[in-house]
Every structure is written in C-alpha cells, then in structure tokens.
C-alpha cells in the first residue's frame, strides 16, 4: 500500500481539522463545567445522552441565527446579554461565599473585581 504524498492541500486540511478540534474541545470543556452540576442526580451516560439530544434539537437553529444576524435568538432585535460574563460573576460570587477562607487576599481581590464588574457578592450563613 502506497502512502499518500504530503501536499499543501493535505497540510491545510490537517491544520483546519486541528483548529476545529481545539474549538470543539473548548466547547465540550465549557459544557462539562455546567453538566457536572447534574452528577448528583444523573449518571454520566444519561447526562451525555440528555445533552446530546438537547444539542441536536437546538444547535442548528441557534447557529443559523448566529450566521444570519450575529446572535442565537430568533429575533434579530432581541440581542442576548453576555451569558459568559454573568456566569463568571455568579461563579465568583459562589466562590466568595464559600466557608473555606484559605486564601483571603485572593478572595479579597476577586471580591473587588466582581463588585467593579457590576456583580453582587453574597455571604452564606
């Protein structure tokens, strides 16, 4: 069996594939960060199946909307807020309200950053 000759086209395709895989891996990692919250209630395989079904239902339509008018909502005028920014603020607020106080200077810096970005810091009782 002969090996395929390495050509510019093959190299470009490999680079495109590598870049695409990095994007897909980053998307999966972001999804895993959210999906792990379901682990107490569902086994991993069921979470994966539920998420796969959810993605197949919504991703094509939402990606089409993004291609058409730059965001996922059907109505071009209904521009969504920055979800990633809000999730980061919520995660930081959760971290700050945790009872573990091992690195107070880091926590204080994070608290200042959350408040400066317009987030809210809550204390757990």
Protein backbone atom coordinates (compact mmCIF):
# COMPACT_ATOMS: atom_id res chain seq x y z
CA UNK A 1 0.00 0.00 0.00
CA UNK A 2 1.39 3.40 -1.01
CA UNK A 3 1.49 6.29 1.41
CA UNK A 4 -0.32 9.43 0.31
CA UNK A 5 2.06 12.19 -0.66
CA UNK A 6 2.03 15.17 1.67
CA UNK A 7 0.70 18.13 -0.25
CA UNK A 8 -0.22 21.69 0.65
CA UNK A 9 -3.89 20.75 0.46
CA UNK A 10 -3.42 17.84 2.89
CA UNK A 11 -1.44 20.06 5.27
CA UNK A 12 -4.08 22.80 5.16
CA UNK A 13 -6.84 20.27 5.83
CA UNK A 14 -4.91 18.87 8.79
CA UNK A 15 -4.40 22.35 10.21
CA UNK A 16 -8.09 23.16 9.73
CA UNK A 17 -9.05 19.90 11.40
CA UNK A 18 -6.67 20.55 14.31
CA UNK A 19 -8.09 24.05 14.77
CA UNK A 20 -11.65 22.72 14.58
CA UNK A 21 -10.89 20.03 17.16
CA UNK A 22 -9.45 22.62 19.53
CA UNK A 23 -12.65 24.66 19.24
CA UNK A 24 -14.83 21.59 19.75
CA UNK A 25 -12.73 20.54 22.78
CA UNK A 26 -13.07 24.02 24.29
CA UNK A 27 -16.85 23.90 23.77
CA UNK A 28 -17.01 20.47 25.40
CA UNK A 29 -14.94 21.65 28.35
CA UNK A 30 -17.30 24.60 28.85
CA UNK A 31 -20.29 22.26 28.66
CA UNK A 32 -18.70 19.83 31.14
CA UNK A 33 -18.26 22.67 33.62
CA UNK A 34 -22.04 23.13 33.59
CA UNK A 35 -23.07 19.49 33.17
CA UNK A 36 -21.12 18.32 36.23
CA UNK A 37 -23.79 20.08 38.32
CA UNK A 38 -26.17 17.29 37.24
CA UNK A 39 -23.92 14.50 38.51
CA UNK A 40 -25.60 14.05 41.85
CA UNK A 41 -28.95 13.48 40.13
CA UNK A 42 -27.99 11.55 36.97
CA UNK A 43 -25.26 9.08 35.92
CA UNK A 44 -22.66 10.39 33.42
CA UNK A 45 -24.03 8.37 30.47
CA UNK A 46 -27.54 9.74 30.97
CA UNK A 47 -26.23 13.32 31.22
CA UNK A 48 -24.31 12.81 27.96
CA UNK A 49 -27.41 11.43 26.22
CA UNK A 50 -29.64 14.23 27.50
CA UNK A 51 -27.12 16.86 26.47
CA UNK A 52 -26.60 15.28 23.04
CA UNK A 53 -30.35 15.32 22.43
CA UNK A 54 -30.57 18.93 23.60
CA UNK A 55 -27.72 19.99 21.30
CA UNK A 56 -29.24 18.19 18.31
CA UNK A 57 -32.55 19.96 18.97
CA UNK A 58 -31.20 23.49 19.37
CA UNK A 59 -27.68 23.92 17.97
CA UNK A 60 -28.54 24.02 14.25
CA UNK A 61 -31.22 26.66 14.69
CA UNK A 62 -29.17 28.79 17.05
CA UNK A 63 -26.02 28.57 14.91
CA UNK A 64 -28.13 29.52 11.88
CA UNK A 65 -29.39 32.56 13.78
CA UNK A 66 -25.81 33.50 14.67
CA UNK A 67 -24.81 33.21 10.99
CA UNK A 68 -27.81 35.36 9.95
CA UNK A 69 -27.73 38.16 12.50
CA UNK A 70 -24.88 37.61 14.95
CA UNK A 71 -26.65 36.09 17.96
CA UNK A 72 -28.64 32.97 18.89
CA UNK A 73 -32.09 34.49 19.37
CA UNK A 74 -34.68 34.21 16.56
CA UNK A 75 -35.49 37.93 16.63
CA UNK A 76 -32.56 40.00 15.30
CA UNK A 77 -33.53 42.85 17.64
CA UNK A 78 -33.54 40.58 20.74
CA UNK A 79 -29.81 40.73 21.49
CA UNK A 80 -28.93 38.49 24.48
CA UNK A 81 -26.86 39.69 27.42
CA UNK A 82 -23.34 38.34 27.77
CA UNK A 83 -24.05 34.96 29.42
CA UNK A 84 -20.37 34.13 29.93
CA UNK A 85 -19.85 37.37 31.84
CA UNK A 86 -22.87 36.64 34.04
CA UNK A 87 -21.78 33.03 34.66
CA UNK A 88 -18.31 34.21 35.64
CA UNK A 89 -19.79 36.71 38.08
CA UNK A 90 -22.04 34.01 39.57
CA UNK A 91 -19.15 31.55 39.89
CA UNK A 92 -17.01 34.19 41.57
CA UNK A 93 -19.86 35.09 43.93
CA UNK A 94 -20.27 31.41 44.84
CA UNK A 95 -16.56 31.10 45.49
CA UNK A 96 -16.57 34.20 47.64
CA UNK A 97 -19.49 33.00 49.72
CA UNK A 98 -17.90 29.61 50.42
CA UNK A 99 -16.97 28.91 54.04
CA UNK A 100 -13.34 27.97 53.21
CA UNK A 101 -11.20 31.07 53.82
CA UNK A 102 -7.76 29.63 52.99
CA UNK A 103 -6.54 32.40 50.67
CA UNK A 104 -8.10 35.61 51.94
CA UNK A 105 -6.00 38.01 49.80
CA UNK A 106 -7.06 36.22 46.59
CA UNK A 107 -10.66 36.20 47.77
CA UNK A 108 -10.49 39.94 48.56
CA UNK A 109 -9.09 40.72 45.08
CA UNK A 110 -11.80 38.60 43.48
CA UNK A 111 -14.48 40.32 45.56
CA UNK A 112 -13.26 43.75 44.38
CA UNK A 113 -13.22 42.58 40.74
CA UNK A 114 -16.76 41.17 40.96
CA UNK A 115 -18.10 44.37 42.50
CA UNK A 116 -16.26 46.53 39.94
CA UNK A 117 -17.78 44.45 37.10
CA UNK A 118 -21.25 45.05 38.48
CA UNK A 119 -21.75 41.70 40.18
CA UNK A 120 -23.16 41.03 43.61
CA UNK A 121 -21.35 39.22 46.41
CA UNK A 122 -23.50 37.31 48.89
CA UNK A 123 -22.46 35.83 52.22
CA UNK A 124 -23.60 32.31 53.11
CA UNK A 125 -24.88 31.89 56.64
